[in-house]
Amino acid sequence: FCPTLQACTMCGILALLLADKGEHVNELLFDGLTVLQHRGQDAAGMVTGENGRVHLHKGNGLVKDVFREAHMTQLRGNLGVGHCRYPTAGSSSCKEAQPFYNNYPFGLACAHNGNLTNVGELREHVRKSRWHANTESDSELLLHAFASALAEAPETGGPPGAEHVFDAVSRLMKLARGGFSVVVMINGSGIVAFRDIYGIRPLVIGQRRTSSGSLDYIVASESVALDTLGFDLLRDVEPGEAVFFDDRDNSMATRQCFYGPGQKPKLLPCIFEYVYFARPDSKMDGVTVYESRVAMGRTLAERIKKLHSDWEDIDVVVPVPDTSRTTAIETAYTLNRPFREAFQKNRYIARTFIMPGQNARRKTVRLKLNTIKSEFEGKKVLLVDDSIVRGTTCYEIIQMARDAGAKKVYFASAAPAVRYPNVYGIDLPSRKELIATGRDEAAVAKEIGADWMIYQDLSDLISAVKSLNPARLDQGFDASVFDGCYVTGDVNDSYFENLERGECKPEERVRKCRRVPSCSVPVGVSQSVSELDDEVLDHLHDTE
C-alpha cells in the first residue's frame, strides 16, 4: 500500500454554470482547463449536466489529448465541473482521474484540489455509513462523505436547495482535515464550491452578465481562467465558506460553514503557490502572483549583497525557465547586472519537478533545456531558480552552464530551503528526498556543484507576499515545507513514520505510472466504466 495514492495533490479545478439552459459549457471547460494545465499534465476530466442527465469523460494526458471531438459533442449541458492533475506515484489509472461521480443522492460530481490529512478517519466514517470507496483517492472519500451528509437532508420532493447543501458542507467541514478546494455539481440543483478552513488551497469565483441580463458563474483554482474566458473576478472563497450557484433560478448564495458569528476566518494560504505553482498573471487572495515574484527578486538580491562579498564579480544573471524569470529580472535589476535568457526551453516537455522519478527528471532536464554558449563562456554566472527540491535538476543545469564555458556558477533560490514534506497537496512525500535535509547552504552548494548558493530568507519571502495585501494576509501563511509548522495541528512524527513505512519503492512508481486509456461514462450512468480493470480498458482501447 502506497500512501501517496491517497493524495489528490496539486491540481486545477473549474466549474461553470450558464444562465441559458440551451448553451453548453463543454468548450468553456475545455479552454479553462487548458489555461490551468500548468497545475497538472497527467490527467484531465469533465462532467456536464443536461436536463437531469450527467455526461462524464476523463482520462490520462493533456487536456487537448483527453478530449476529442466525439467526446465534446457528448458533453452537453449548461453546467459542469472540470479537473486536471499532475502525476504522482500510482495515480496513473483512469479510475483515479477526476471528477468522481456518485449516483446517490441526486447525482453528484466532485473535483478536488489538495490533500486530506485524516484519510484513515474519513475512510472509517465512509465504511460505517455503508458507502463503498473503489479507489485509494482521498477525493473519492471526500465525495462519499459529502454525499452521506447531503442524503440526511429532509425530503423536499426534489433536488436540495442552498440551505440543505450548506448544512451538508458544514458537516463535512467537521469531518475532513487538510488543505482542499472543492467543486461539486449536484444534478438538477446547481454547483457548490468550498474551501478548507484555513484557505490553504486557492479558489476564486467570478461572473459575467449575458445579453439578456442574466448571470453566468465560474469557480476556478486561479483567476487566469476567469480572465481567459471573459468573466469578472468577484473574490476569493473564504476559509470554511461555501458558495452555491442555483441552476433553477440563476442565483448565488453563500454561507460560512465552519466559523461562528463574529469569528474571523483564519486565512493561511500556501505560500508555495506564489513561489512556483500559480501562473504569474493570476491573482490569489488579493495578491498578483507576478508582483509577489518581483518582490521576491528584490529581497533575494539584497540577501545576496548581504551574505556574499564577491557578488560584484557576477557578470550576468540567468533565469532557469520559466517560473523564476520574473524573480530573476528583478534580482538582476537590483544587483545592477545584465539579465540574459541563456537557457532555451523545449516547451513540449513536462515540468521536471512533477516528473514521477529521479531518473526521468535527470534525463528530461537535458531534453528540456539547451544553453546559448556565448552567454556563459568565460563568465561568472548567477543562476536564479524558483526553488530547490531534490537538487537533481539544479545539478544538471549547473553542469550544463559549466559545459558551456562558465568560469564560475552561483545559484540562488527564490524560495527558502525546502526541508519538510508537504501534506496539503504538493507531492513531497518524505524528507529523505529533499536536498536541504541535514545540509546548510555550503553543503547544498557542494552537492549541486555550485561555487556558492543562497536561499531566500523565509521572513523575507513572507514579507514580500504579505506587503502586497497586508490587511487580508495579516494572519500569515502555510509555509510548512520551509518551517515544518503544519497549521491543521494533526501532523506529527507518527504521521510521517506511517508514510515512510508505506512509501512505494522506485520500481513500483515506474510500474504504476504506465499509461492507460481514457474512459467515458455514458449519459445517466455513474462510475461503472472507470471501475473496469486495466486489462478490460486496454481491450476496449484496442478495439476502438
Protein backbone atom coordinates (compact mmCIF):
# COMPACT_ATOMS: atom_id res chain seq x y z
CA PHE A 1 0.00 0.00 0.00
CA CYS A 2 1.39 3.39 -1.04
CA PRO A 3 0.13 6.37 0.99
CA THR A 4 0.69 8.77 -1.89
CA LEU A 5 -2.25 7.09 -3.56
CA GLN A 6 -4.45 8.82 -1.03
CA ALA A 7 -3.50 12.28 -2.16
CA CYS A 8 -5.24 14.33 -4.79
CA THR A 9 -2.14 16.59 -4.76
CA MET A 10 -1.74 19.75 -6.80
CA CYS A 11 -4.48 20.07 -9.39
CA GLY A 12 -6.56 22.58 -11.26
CA ILE A 13 -10.33 22.67 -10.72
CA LEU A 14 -13.01 24.53 -12.61
CA ALA A 15 -16.81 24.82 -12.52
CA LEU A 16 -19.25 26.75 -14.70
CA LEU A 17 -22.98 27.45 -14.65
CA LEU A 18 -24.54 29.23 -17.62
CA ALA A 19 -27.85 31.06 -17.31
CA ASP A 20 -29.08 29.96 -20.74
CA LYS A 21 -30.01 26.29 -20.48
CA GLY A 22 -29.71 26.00 -24.24
CA GLU A 23 -25.98 26.75 -24.11
CA HIS A 24 -23.25 24.23 -23.37
CA VAL A 25 -20.26 24.60 -21.04
CA ASN A 26 -18.06 21.99 -22.73
CA GLU A 27 -15.93 24.41 -24.75
CA LEU A 28 -15.55 26.80 -21.82
CA LEU A 29 -14.47 23.93 -19.58
CA PHE A 30 -12.01 22.76 -22.22
CA ASP A 31 -10.49 26.22 -22.64
CA GLY A 32 -10.43 26.83 -18.88
CA LEU A 33 -8.69 23.53 -18.15
CA THR A 34 -6.18 24.29 -20.88
CA VAL A 35 -5.36 27.58 -19.15
CA LEU A 36 -4.97 25.69 -15.86
CA GLN A 37 -2.84 22.99 -17.50
CA HIS A 38 0.27 24.19 -15.61
CA ARG A 39 -1.33 22.79 -12.44
CA GLY A 40 -1.39 19.27 -13.85
CA GLN A 41 -0.46 17.49 -17.06
CA ASP A 42 -1.11 13.87 -16.11
CA ALA A 43 -4.88 13.53 -16.35
CA ALA A 44 -7.99 15.57 -17.09
CA GLY A 45 -11.73 15.15 -16.93
CA MET A 46 -15.04 16.93 -17.04
CA VAL A 47 -18.66 16.31 -16.12
CA THR A 48 -21.63 18.20 -17.50
CA GLY A 49 -25.31 18.27 -16.59
CA GLU A 50 -28.08 18.41 -19.18
CA ASN A 51 -31.76 18.32 -18.21
CA GLY A 52 -31.21 15.82 -15.41
CA ARG A 53 -28.68 13.72 -17.31
CA VAL A 54 -24.99 13.54 -16.45
CA HIS A 55 -22.18 13.22 -19.02
CA LEU A 56 -18.63 12.31 -17.95
CA HIS A 57 -15.33 11.84 -19.75
CA LYS A 58 -11.86 11.64 -18.20
CA GLY A 59 -8.51 10.09 -18.92
CA ASN A 60 -4.73 10.36 -18.80
CA GLY A 61 -2.85 13.02 -20.72
CA LEU A 62 -3.09 16.70 -21.57
CA VAL A 63 -6.47 18.35 -21.95
CA LYS A 64 -6.08 18.53 -25.73
CA ASP A 65 -5.38 14.79 -25.88
CA VAL A 66 -8.07 13.58 -23.47
CA PHE A 67 -10.97 15.40 -25.15
CA ARG A 68 -11.62 14.69 -28.81
CA GLU A 69 -14.49 15.99 -30.93
CA ALA A 70 -16.58 12.89 -30.28
CA HIS A 71 -16.22 13.38 -26.52
CA MET A 72 -17.01 17.08 -26.68
CA THR A 73 -20.25 16.57 -28.59
CA GLN A 74 -21.43 14.21 -25.85
CA LEU A 75 -20.53 16.60 -23.02
CA ARG A 76 -23.69 18.66 -23.33
CA GLY A 77 -25.33 20.85 -20.71
CA ASN A 78 -25.27 24.33 -19.22
CA LEU A 79 -23.32 23.43 -16.07
CA GLY A 80 -20.31 21.30 -15.32
CA VAL A 81 -17.04 20.77 -13.47
CA GLY A 82 -13.53 20.03 -14.74
CA HIS A 83 -10.23 18.83 -13.33
CA CYS A 84 -6.58 18.43 -14.33
CA ARG A 85 -3.98 16.61 -12.25
CA TYR A 86 -0.21 16.27 -12.16
CA PRO A 87 1.49 12.87 -11.87
CA THR A 88 2.01 11.13 -8.56
CA ALA A 89 3.12 7.62 -7.72
CA GLY A 90 0.47 5.07 -8.58
CA SER A 91 -2.08 7.61 -9.74
CA SER A 92 -1.99 7.00 -13.48
CA SER A 93 -5.02 4.72 -13.63
CA CYS A 94 -8.04 6.16 -15.37
CA LYS A 95 -10.17 5.37 -12.33
CA GLU A 96 -8.01 7.72 -10.22
CA ALA A 97 -8.72 10.61 -12.61
CA GLN A 98 -11.33 13.16 -11.66
CA PRO A 99 -14.11 14.24 -11.49
CA PHE A 100 -15.59 11.43 -9.40
CA TYR A 101 -19.30 10.69 -9.76
CA ASN A 102 -21.90 9.28 -7.34
CA ASN A 103 -25.45 8.29 -8.33
CA TYR A 104 -26.79 8.95 -4.86
CA PRO A 105 -28.15 11.26 -3.73
CA PHE A 106 -29.40 13.16 -6.79
CA GLY A 107 -26.21 12.56 -8.82
CA LEU A 108 -23.02 14.26 -7.63
CA ALA A 109 -19.78 15.02 -9.49
CA CYS A 110 -16.77 16.23 -7.49
CA ALA A 111 -13.43 17.81 -8.44
CA HIS A 112 -10.90 18.35 -5.66
CA ASN A 113 -7.54 20.10 -5.32
CA GLY A 114 -5.45 19.34 -2.23
CA ASN A 115 -4.90 16.59 0.27
CA LEU A 116 -6.74 15.33 3.34
CA THR A 117 -4.62 14.52 6.39
CA ASN A 118 -7.14 12.32 8.23
CA VAL A 119 -7.77 9.80 5.47
CA GLY A 120 -7.99 6.90 7.93
CA GLU A 121 -10.72 8.55 9.96
CA LEU A 122 -12.61 9.56 6.84
CA ARG A 123 -12.35 6.07 5.36
CA GLU A 124 -13.77 4.61 8.57
CA HIS A 125 -16.62 7.14 8.51
CA VAL A 126 -17.43 6.20 4.93
CA ARG A 127 -17.32 2.50 5.82
CA LYS A 128 -19.67 2.94 8.76
CA SER A 129 -22.03 4.91 6.51
CA ARG A 130 -22.16 1.81 4.25
CA TRP A 131 -20.60 3.58 1.29
CA HIS A 132 -18.00 1.86 -0.85
CA ALA A 133 -14.76 3.59 -1.88
CA ASN A 134 -13.50 1.98 -5.08
CA THR A 135 -10.11 3.76 -5.24
CA GLU A 136 -7.39 4.88 -2.82
CA SER A 137 -8.11 8.53 -3.64
CA ASP A 138 -8.96 10.88 -0.79
CA SER A 139 -11.08 12.78 -3.30
CA GLU A 140 -13.47 9.86 -3.57
CA LEU A 141 -13.70 9.65 0.23
CA LEU A 142 -14.49 13.37 0.35
CA LEU A 143 -17.26 12.92 -2.22
CA HIS A 144 -18.74 9.97 -0.32
CA ALA A 145 -18.68 11.93 2.96
CA PHE A 146 -20.43 14.88 1.32
CA ALA A 147 -22.97 12.57 -0.33
CA SER A 148 -23.68 10.91 3.02
CA ALA A 149 -24.25 14.29 4.66
CA LEU A 150 -26.46 15.52 1.81
CA ALA A 151 -28.51 12.31 1.94
CA GLU A 152 -29.52 13.25 5.50
CA ALA A 153 -31.29 16.40 4.27
CA PRO A 154 -35.08 16.44 4.78
CA GLU A 155 -37.13 15.24 1.84
CA THR A 156 -38.29 18.20 -0.26
CA GLY A 157 -39.70 16.42 -3.27
CA GLY A 158 -36.76 17.40 -5.43
CA PRO A 159 -33.07 18.27 -5.51
CA PRO A 160 -31.76 20.21 -2.48
CA GLY A 161 -31.72 23.96 -2.09
CA ALA A 162 -28.89 26.14 -0.83
CA GLU A 163 -29.59 25.66 2.88
CA HIS A 164 -29.53 21.87 2.73
CA VAL A 165 -26.36 21.98 0.64
CA PHE A 166 -24.72 24.30 3.17
CA ASP A 167 -25.75 22.01 6.01
CA ALA A 168 -24.01 19.12 4.25
CA VAL A 169 -20.85 21.17 3.73
CA SER A 170 -20.90 22.18 7.41
CA ARG A 171 -20.98 18.52 8.45
CA LEU A 172 -18.16 17.75 6.03
CA MET A 173 -16.03 20.60 7.42
CA LYS A 174 -16.21 18.95 10.84
CA LEU A 175 -15.07 15.61 9.36
CA ALA A 176 -12.35 16.48 6.86
CA ARG A 177 -8.96 17.95 7.76
CA GLY A 178 -6.20 19.13 5.46
CA GLY A 179 -5.89 21.57 2.60
CA PHE A 180 -8.58 21.40 -0.06
CA SER A 181 -10.65 23.32 -2.56
CA VAL A 182 -13.68 21.52 -3.92
CA VAL A 183 -16.39 21.97 -6.55
CA VAL A 184 -19.41 19.66 -6.67
CA MET A 185 -22.09 19.55 -9.34
CA ILE A 186 -25.46 18.48 -7.91
CA ASN A 187 -27.67 17.14 -10.65
CA GLY A 188 -30.88 19.13 -11.02
CA SER A 189 -29.76 21.63 -8.41
CA GLY A 190 -26.55 23.55 -9.18
CA ILE A 191 -22.92 23.80 -8.17
CA VAL A 192 -21.38 24.21 -4.72
CA ALA A 193 -17.79 25.32 -4.14
CA PHE A 194 -15.97 25.36 -0.81
CA ARG A 195 -12.50 25.86 0.65
CA ASP A 196 -10.75 24.32 3.66
CA ILE A 197 -10.97 26.12 6.98
CA TYR A 198 -7.51 27.71 6.60
CA GLY A 199 -7.81 28.58 2.92
CA ILE A 200 -4.62 26.64 2.17
CA ARG A 201 -5.58 25.78 -1.39
CA PRO A 202 -6.76 28.63 -3.65
CA LEU A 203 -10.28 29.12 -5.04
CA VAL A 204 -11.87 32.14 -6.74
CA ILE A 205 -15.35 32.95 -8.04
CA GLY A 206 -16.47 35.17 -10.88
CA GLN A 207 -19.39 36.10 -13.08
CA ARG A 208 -20.31 37.70 -16.39
CA ARG A 209 -23.55 39.33 -17.49
CA THR A 210 -25.27 37.90 -20.54
CA SER A 211 -27.03 39.86 -23.27
CA SER A 212 -30.34 39.01 -21.59
CA GLY A 213 -29.20 40.47 -18.28
CA SER A 214 -28.76 37.13 -16.51
CA LEU A 215 -25.51 35.98 -14.93
CA ASP A 216 -23.12 33.18 -15.81
CA TYR A 217 -20.97 31.94 -12.91
CA ILE A 218 -17.49 30.43 -12.67
CA VAL A 219 -15.28 28.89 -9.96
CA ALA A 220 -11.59 28.17 -10.56
CA SER A 221 -8.30 27.44 -8.86
CA GLU A 222 -6.80 30.59 -10.37
CA SER A 223 -8.14 33.89 -11.68
CA VAL A 224 -6.32 33.45 -15.00
CA ALA A 225 -9.11 31.07 -16.06
CA LEU A 226 -11.66 33.83 -15.45
CA ASP A 227 -9.65 36.35 -17.47
CA THR A 228 -9.30 33.99 -20.42
CA LEU A 229 -12.98 33.04 -20.50
CA GLY A 230 -14.23 36.62 -20.18
CA PHE A 231 -15.50 36.55 -16.59
CA ASP A 232 -15.07 39.24 -13.95
CA LEU A 233 -13.31 38.24 -10.73
CA LEU A 234 -15.64 38.70 -7.76
CA ARG A 235 -13.39 37.50 -4.93
CA ASP A 236 -11.67 34.56 -3.30
CA VAL A 237 -13.74 31.97 -1.47
CA GLU A 238 -13.13 32.49 2.25
CA PRO A 239 -11.73 29.75 4.51
CA GLY A 240 -14.57 27.50 5.62
CA GLU A 241 -17.00 29.19 3.24
CA ALA A 242 -19.33 27.53 0.73
CA VAL A 243 -20.79 29.24 -2.34
CA PHE A 244 -23.84 27.75 -4.08
CA PHE A 245 -24.91 28.57 -7.63
CA ASP A 246 -28.52 27.53 -8.20
CA ASP A 247 -29.31 26.29 -11.70
CA ARG A 248 -33.04 26.68 -11.13
CA ASP A 249 -33.24 30.42 -10.51
CA ASN A 250 -29.74 31.58 -11.55
CA SER A 251 -28.94 32.78 -8.01
CA MET A 252 -25.78 32.75 -5.91
CA ALA A 253 -25.81 32.15 -2.15
CA THR A 254 -23.01 31.91 0.40
CA ARG A 255 -22.58 30.70 3.96
CA GLN A 256 -19.71 30.42 6.42
CA CYS A 257 -19.82 26.70 7.21
CA PHE A 258 -17.20 26.47 9.96
CA TYR A 259 -16.53 29.72 11.80
CA GLY A 260 -19.20 31.09 14.11
CA PRO A 261 -20.80 34.55 14.07
CA GLY A 262 -18.23 37.23 14.80
CA GLN A 263 -15.31 34.86 14.26
CA LYS A 264 -12.73 35.96 11.70
CA PRO A 265 -11.79 33.10 9.34
CA LYS A 266 -8.15 32.11 9.77
CA LEU A 267 -6.66 32.58 6.31
CA LEU A 268 -3.30 30.81 5.90
CA PRO A 269 -2.80 30.27 2.16
CA CYS A 270 0.00 28.09 0.83
CA ILE A 271 2.95 30.40 0.12
CA PHE A 272 4.42 27.90 -2.34
CA GLU A 273 1.60 28.83 -4.74
CA TYR A 274 3.20 32.27 -5.13
CA VAL A 275 6.70 30.83 -5.47
CA TYR A 276 6.06 28.11 -8.00
CA PHE A 277 2.67 26.70 -8.87
CA ALA A 278 0.45 29.63 -9.83
CA ARG A 279 0.71 31.46 -13.12
CA PRO A 280 2.20 34.97 -12.78
CA ASP A 281 -0.93 36.53 -14.31
CA SER A 282 -3.16 35.05 -11.60
CA LYS A 283 -4.40 36.89 -8.53
CA MET A 284 -4.75 34.99 -5.26
CA ASP A 285 -6.14 36.40 -2.04
CA GLY A 286 -5.75 39.89 -3.38
CA VAL A 287 -2.11 39.47 -4.45
CA THR A 288 -0.97 39.35 -8.07
CA VAL A 289 1.47 36.45 -8.36
CA TYR A 290 3.64 38.46 -10.74
CA GLU A 291 4.06 41.31 -8.25
CA SER A 292 4.91 38.87 -5.46
CA ARG A 293 7.69 37.35 -7.58
CA VAL A 294 9.07 40.81 -8.37
CA ALA A 295 9.22 41.46 -4.63
CA MET A 296 10.94 38.10 -4.10
CA GLY A 297 13.61 39.10 -6.60
CA ARG A 298 14.26 42.33 -4.75
CA THR A 299 14.66 40.69 -1.34
CA LEU A 300 16.77 37.89 -2.83
CA ALA A 301 19.21 40.43 -4.33
CA GLU A 302 19.52 42.26 -1.04
CA ARG A 303 20.31 38.98 0.73
CA ILE A 304 22.99 38.18 -1.85
CA LYS A 305 24.59 41.57 -1.24
CA LYS A 306 24.49 40.99 2.50
CA LEU A 307 25.95 37.48 2.60
CA HIS A 308 28.37 37.32 -0.33
CA SER A 309 31.06 39.97 -0.58
CA ASP A 310 32.04 38.74 -4.04
CA TRP A 311 28.61 39.46 -5.51
CA GLU A 312 30.09 42.29 -7.57
CA ASP A 313 32.05 39.67 -9.54
CA ILE A 314 28.79 38.44 -11.07
CA ASP A 315 28.84 39.11 -14.81
CA VAL A 316 25.32 38.06 -15.72
CA VAL A 317 22.05 36.87 -14.14
CA VAL A 318 20.34 33.94 -15.87
CA PRO A 319 16.90 32.52 -15.01
CA VAL A 320 16.10 28.83 -15.02
CA PRO A 321 12.96 28.83 -17.22
CA ASP A 322 10.16 29.52 -16.71
CA THR A 323 8.78 30.23 -13.24
CA SER A 324 11.86 32.06 -11.97
CA ARG A 325 12.03 34.58 -14.83
CA THR A 326 10.11 37.35 -13.07
CA THR A 327 12.19 36.98 -9.91
CA ALA A 328 15.47 36.84 -11.85
CA ILE A 329 14.70 40.04 -13.77
CA GLU A 330 14.22 41.96 -10.53
CA THR A 331 17.28 40.32 -8.95
CA ALA A 332 19.40 41.45 -11.91
CA TYR A 333 17.94 44.96 -11.75
CA THR A 334 18.63 45.30 -8.02
CA LEU A 335 22.18 43.96 -8.42
CA ASN A 336 22.68 46.22 -11.46
CA ARG A 337 23.80 43.29 -13.55
CA PRO A 338 22.76 42.20 -17.07
CA PHE A 339 19.84 39.81 -17.37
CA ARG A 340 20.19 37.18 -20.08
CA GLU A 341 17.95 34.35 -21.31
CA ALA A 342 20.85 31.93 -21.68
CA PHE A 343 18.79 28.74 -21.44
CA GLN A 344 16.38 27.90 -24.23
CA LYS A 345 13.49 25.67 -23.33
CA ASN A 346 11.73 22.92 -25.24
CA ARG A 347 8.15 23.70 -24.29
CA TYR A 348 6.89 20.24 -25.17
CA ILE A 349 8.47 18.60 -22.14
CA ALA A 350 6.59 18.38 -18.83
CA ARG A 351 7.73 20.15 -15.66
CA THR A 352 10.63 18.19 -14.17
CA PHE A 353 9.60 18.87 -10.57
CA ILE A 354 6.47 16.82 -11.11
CA MET A 355 8.00 14.01 -13.14
CA PRO A 356 7.42 10.70 -11.35
CA GLY A 357 11.02 9.51 -10.84
CA GLN A 358 14.57 10.80 -10.32
CA ASN A 359 15.96 9.17 -13.46
CA ALA A 360 13.12 10.56 -15.54
CA ARG A 361 13.76 14.05 -14.14
CA ARG A 362 17.51 13.85 -14.84
CA LYS A 363 17.03 12.77 -18.44
CA THR A 364 14.26 15.29 -19.02
CA VAL A 365 16.44 18.27 -17.98
CA ARG A 366 18.78 17.73 -20.93
CA LEU A 367 15.86 17.35 -23.31
CA LYS A 368 14.12 20.36 -21.82
CA LEU A 369 16.94 22.96 -21.80
CA ASN A 370 19.82 23.95 -24.03
CA THR A 371 22.44 26.65 -23.50
CA ILE A 372 23.42 29.70 -25.50
CA LYS A 373 27.16 29.26 -25.09
CA SER A 374 28.10 32.90 -25.78
CA GLU A 375 26.28 33.95 -22.61
CA PHE A 376 28.32 31.55 -20.46
CA GLU A 377 31.82 31.47 -21.95
CA GLY A 378 34.37 32.93 -19.52
CA LYS A 379 31.68 34.48 -17.30
CA LYS A 380 30.74 34.31 -13.64
CA VAL A 381 27.07 33.46 -13.81
CA LEU A 382 24.30 33.76 -11.22
CA LEU A 383 21.55 31.24 -11.92
CA VAL A 384 18.16 32.01 -10.35
CA ASP A 385 15.54 29.31 -9.85
CA ASP A 386 12.20 29.39 -8.05
CA SER A 387 13.20 26.67 -5.55
CA ILE A 388 15.39 23.64 -4.94
CA VAL A 389 13.54 20.48 -4.00
CA ARG A 390 15.52 17.32 -4.69
CA GLY A 391 18.50 19.02 -6.31
CA THR A 392 18.60 16.71 -9.32
CA THR A 393 17.54 19.43 -11.77
CA CYS A 394 19.89 22.03 -10.25
CA TYR A 395 22.89 19.74 -10.56
CA GLU A 396 22.22 19.06 -14.22
CA ILE A 397 21.64 22.75 -15.02
CA ILE A 398 24.84 23.83 -13.29
CA GLN A 399 26.77 21.19 -15.21
CA MET A 400 25.26 22.48 -18.43
CA ALA A 401 26.44 26.01 -17.55
CA ARG A 402 29.96 24.75 -16.89
CA ASP A 403 29.96 22.71 -20.09
CA ALA A 404 29.02 25.93 -21.92
CA GLY A 405 32.17 27.61 -20.58
CA ALA A 406 31.07 29.39 -17.39
CA LYS A 407 34.04 30.44 -15.26
CA LYS A 408 32.02 30.29 -12.05
CA VAL A 409 28.43 29.34 -11.35
CA TYR A 410 26.47 30.73 -8.41
CA PHE A 411 22.95 29.55 -7.63
CA ALA A 412 20.11 31.48 -5.97
CA SER A 413 16.75 30.09 -4.89
CA ALA A 414 13.76 32.43 -4.76
CA ALA A 415 12.35 30.18 -2.05
CA PRO A 416 13.81 29.21 1.34
CA ALA A 417 15.23 25.74 1.87
CA VAL A 418 12.56 23.06 1.40
CA ARG A 419 13.24 20.92 4.48
CA TYR A 420 9.88 19.31 5.25
CA PRO A 421 7.26 17.27 3.38
CA ASN A 422 4.08 18.92 2.24
CA VAL A 423 0.89 17.20 3.34
CA TYR A 424 -1.63 19.65 1.88
CA GLY A 425 -1.38 18.84 -1.80
CA ILE A 426 2.22 19.01 -3.06
CA ASP A 427 3.85 15.67 -3.84
CA LEU A 428 6.83 15.79 -1.45
CA PRO A 429 6.24 12.59 0.50
CA SER A 430 9.43 12.23 2.56
CA ARG A 431 12.27 14.31 3.98
CA LYS A 432 14.92 11.99 2.59
CA GLU A 433 14.06 13.18 -0.93
CA LEU A 434 14.79 16.82 -0.04
CA ILE A 435 18.32 18.03 -0.65
CA ALA A 436 18.17 20.59 2.19
CA THR A 437 17.56 17.89 4.82
CA GLY A 438 20.60 17.93 7.11
CA ARG A 439 22.52 20.38 4.90
CA ASP A 440 23.31 24.09 5.17
CA GLU A 441 23.85 26.34 2.13
CA ALA A 442 27.53 25.42 1.79
CA ALA A 443 26.73 21.69 1.81
CA VAL A 444 23.93 22.13 -0.71
CA ALA A 445 26.25 24.15 -2.97
CA LYS A 446 28.77 21.31 -2.89
CA GLU A 447 26.07 18.75 -3.61
CA ILE A 448 24.71 20.58 -6.67
CA GLY A 449 28.15 21.67 -7.92
CA ALA A 450 27.80 25.44 -7.43
CA ASP A 451 30.60 27.76 -6.32
CA TRP A 452 28.14 29.08 -3.77
CA MET A 453 24.39 29.05 -3.40
CA ILE A 454 21.89 31.08 -1.44
CA TYR A 455 18.31 30.61 -0.30
CA GLN A 456 15.68 33.28 0.16
CA ASP A 457 15.11 34.03 3.83
CA LEU A 458 11.67 32.84 4.99
CA SER A 459 10.84 36.10 6.74
CA ASP A 460 11.76 37.98 3.55
CA LEU A 461 9.56 35.70 1.47
CA ILE A 462 6.61 36.20 3.80
CA SER A 463 7.14 39.96 3.85
CA ALA A 464 7.40 40.08 0.05
CA VAL A 465 3.97 38.50 -0.41
CA LYS A 466 2.24 39.94 2.65
CA SER A 467 3.26 43.53 1.83
CA LEU A 468 1.08 43.43 -1.28
CA ASN A 469 -2.11 42.92 0.76
CA PRO A 470 -1.29 43.23 4.47
CA ALA A 471 -4.91 43.64 5.58
CA ARG A 472 -6.00 40.29 4.15
CA LEU A 473 -2.80 38.35 4.81
CA ASP A 474 -2.26 39.55 8.37
CA GLN A 475 -2.51 36.04 9.85
CA GLY A 476 0.35 34.55 7.85
CA PHE A 477 0.71 31.59 5.51
CA ASP A 478 1.07 27.86 5.39
CA ALA A 479 4.85 27.63 4.98
CA SER A 480 5.17 24.07 6.28
CA VAL A 481 7.62 22.96 3.57
CA PHE A 482 10.02 25.59 4.93
CA ASP A 483 9.37 25.71 8.67
CA GLY A 484 7.72 22.36 9.48
CA CYS A 485 4.70 24.06 11.09
CA TYR A 486 1.53 22.28 9.96
CA VAL A 487 -1.40 24.59 10.51
CA THR A 488 -4.06 21.88 10.81
CA GLY A 489 -2.42 20.65 14.03
CA ASP A 490 -2.83 16.94 13.25
CA VAL A 491 0.53 16.26 11.57
CA ASN A 492 3.29 14.86 13.78
CA ASP A 493 6.22 12.43 13.71
CA SER A 494 3.98 9.37 13.77
CA TYR A 495 2.12 10.70 10.73
CA PHE A 496 5.37 10.76 8.76
CA GLU A 497 6.51 7.42 10.17
CA ASN A 498 3.37 5.87 8.73
CA LEU A 499 4.11 7.48 5.39
CA GLU A 500 7.70 6.25 5.44
CA ARG A 501 6.65 2.68 6.22
CA GLY A 502 4.18 2.60 3.35
CA GLU A 503 6.17 4.50 0.76
CA CYS A 504 6.40 2.96 -2.71
CA LYS A 505 9.73 1.67 -3.97
CA PRO A 506 11.08 3.41 -7.09
CA GLU A 507 10.42 0.40 -9.31
CA GLU A 508 6.81 0.35 -8.11
CA ARG A 509 6.48 4.03 -9.08
CA VAL A 510 7.65 3.26 -12.62
CA ARG A 511 5.38 0.24 -12.93
CA LYS A 512 2.33 2.05 -11.64
CA CYS A 513 2.85 5.15 -13.76
CA ARG A 514 2.19 3.37 -17.04
CA ARG A 515 -0.46 4.91 -19.26
CA VAL A 516 -3.97 3.59 -19.56
CA PRO A 517 -6.61 4.93 -21.94
CA SER A 518 -9.26 7.47 -21.09
CA CYS A 519 -12.74 6.43 -20.18
CA SER A 520 -16.18 7.89 -20.78
CA VAL A 521 -19.28 7.31 -18.72
CA PRO A 522 -22.48 7.19 -20.79
CA VAL A 523 -25.38 9.51 -20.12
CA GLY A 524 -27.06 8.74 -16.83
CA VAL A 525 -24.53 6.07 -15.80
CA SER A 526 -22.18 6.52 -12.86
CA GLN A 527 -18.65 5.29 -12.32
CA SER A 528 -19.13 1.86 -13.88
CA VAL A 529 -16.78 2.17 -16.84
CA SER A 530 -13.94 3.64 -14.79
CA GLU A 531 -14.19 0.73 -12.39
CA LEU A 532 -13.19 -1.75 -15.10
CA ASP A 533 -9.74 -3.15 -14.58
CA ASP A 534 -6.81 -2.14 -16.76
CA GLU A 535 -6.96 -5.28 -18.93
CA VAL A 536 -10.57 -4.60 -19.91
CA LEU A 537 -9.76 -0.97 -20.60
CA ASP A 538 -6.82 -1.98 -22.76
CA HIS A 539 -9.09 -4.31 -24.71
CA LEU A 540 -11.69 -1.58 -25.22
CA HIS A 541 -8.97 0.81 -26.35
CA ASP A 542 -7.53 -1.70 -28.83
CA THR A 543 -10.91 -2.32 -30.42
CA GLU A 544 -11.74 1.36 -31.00
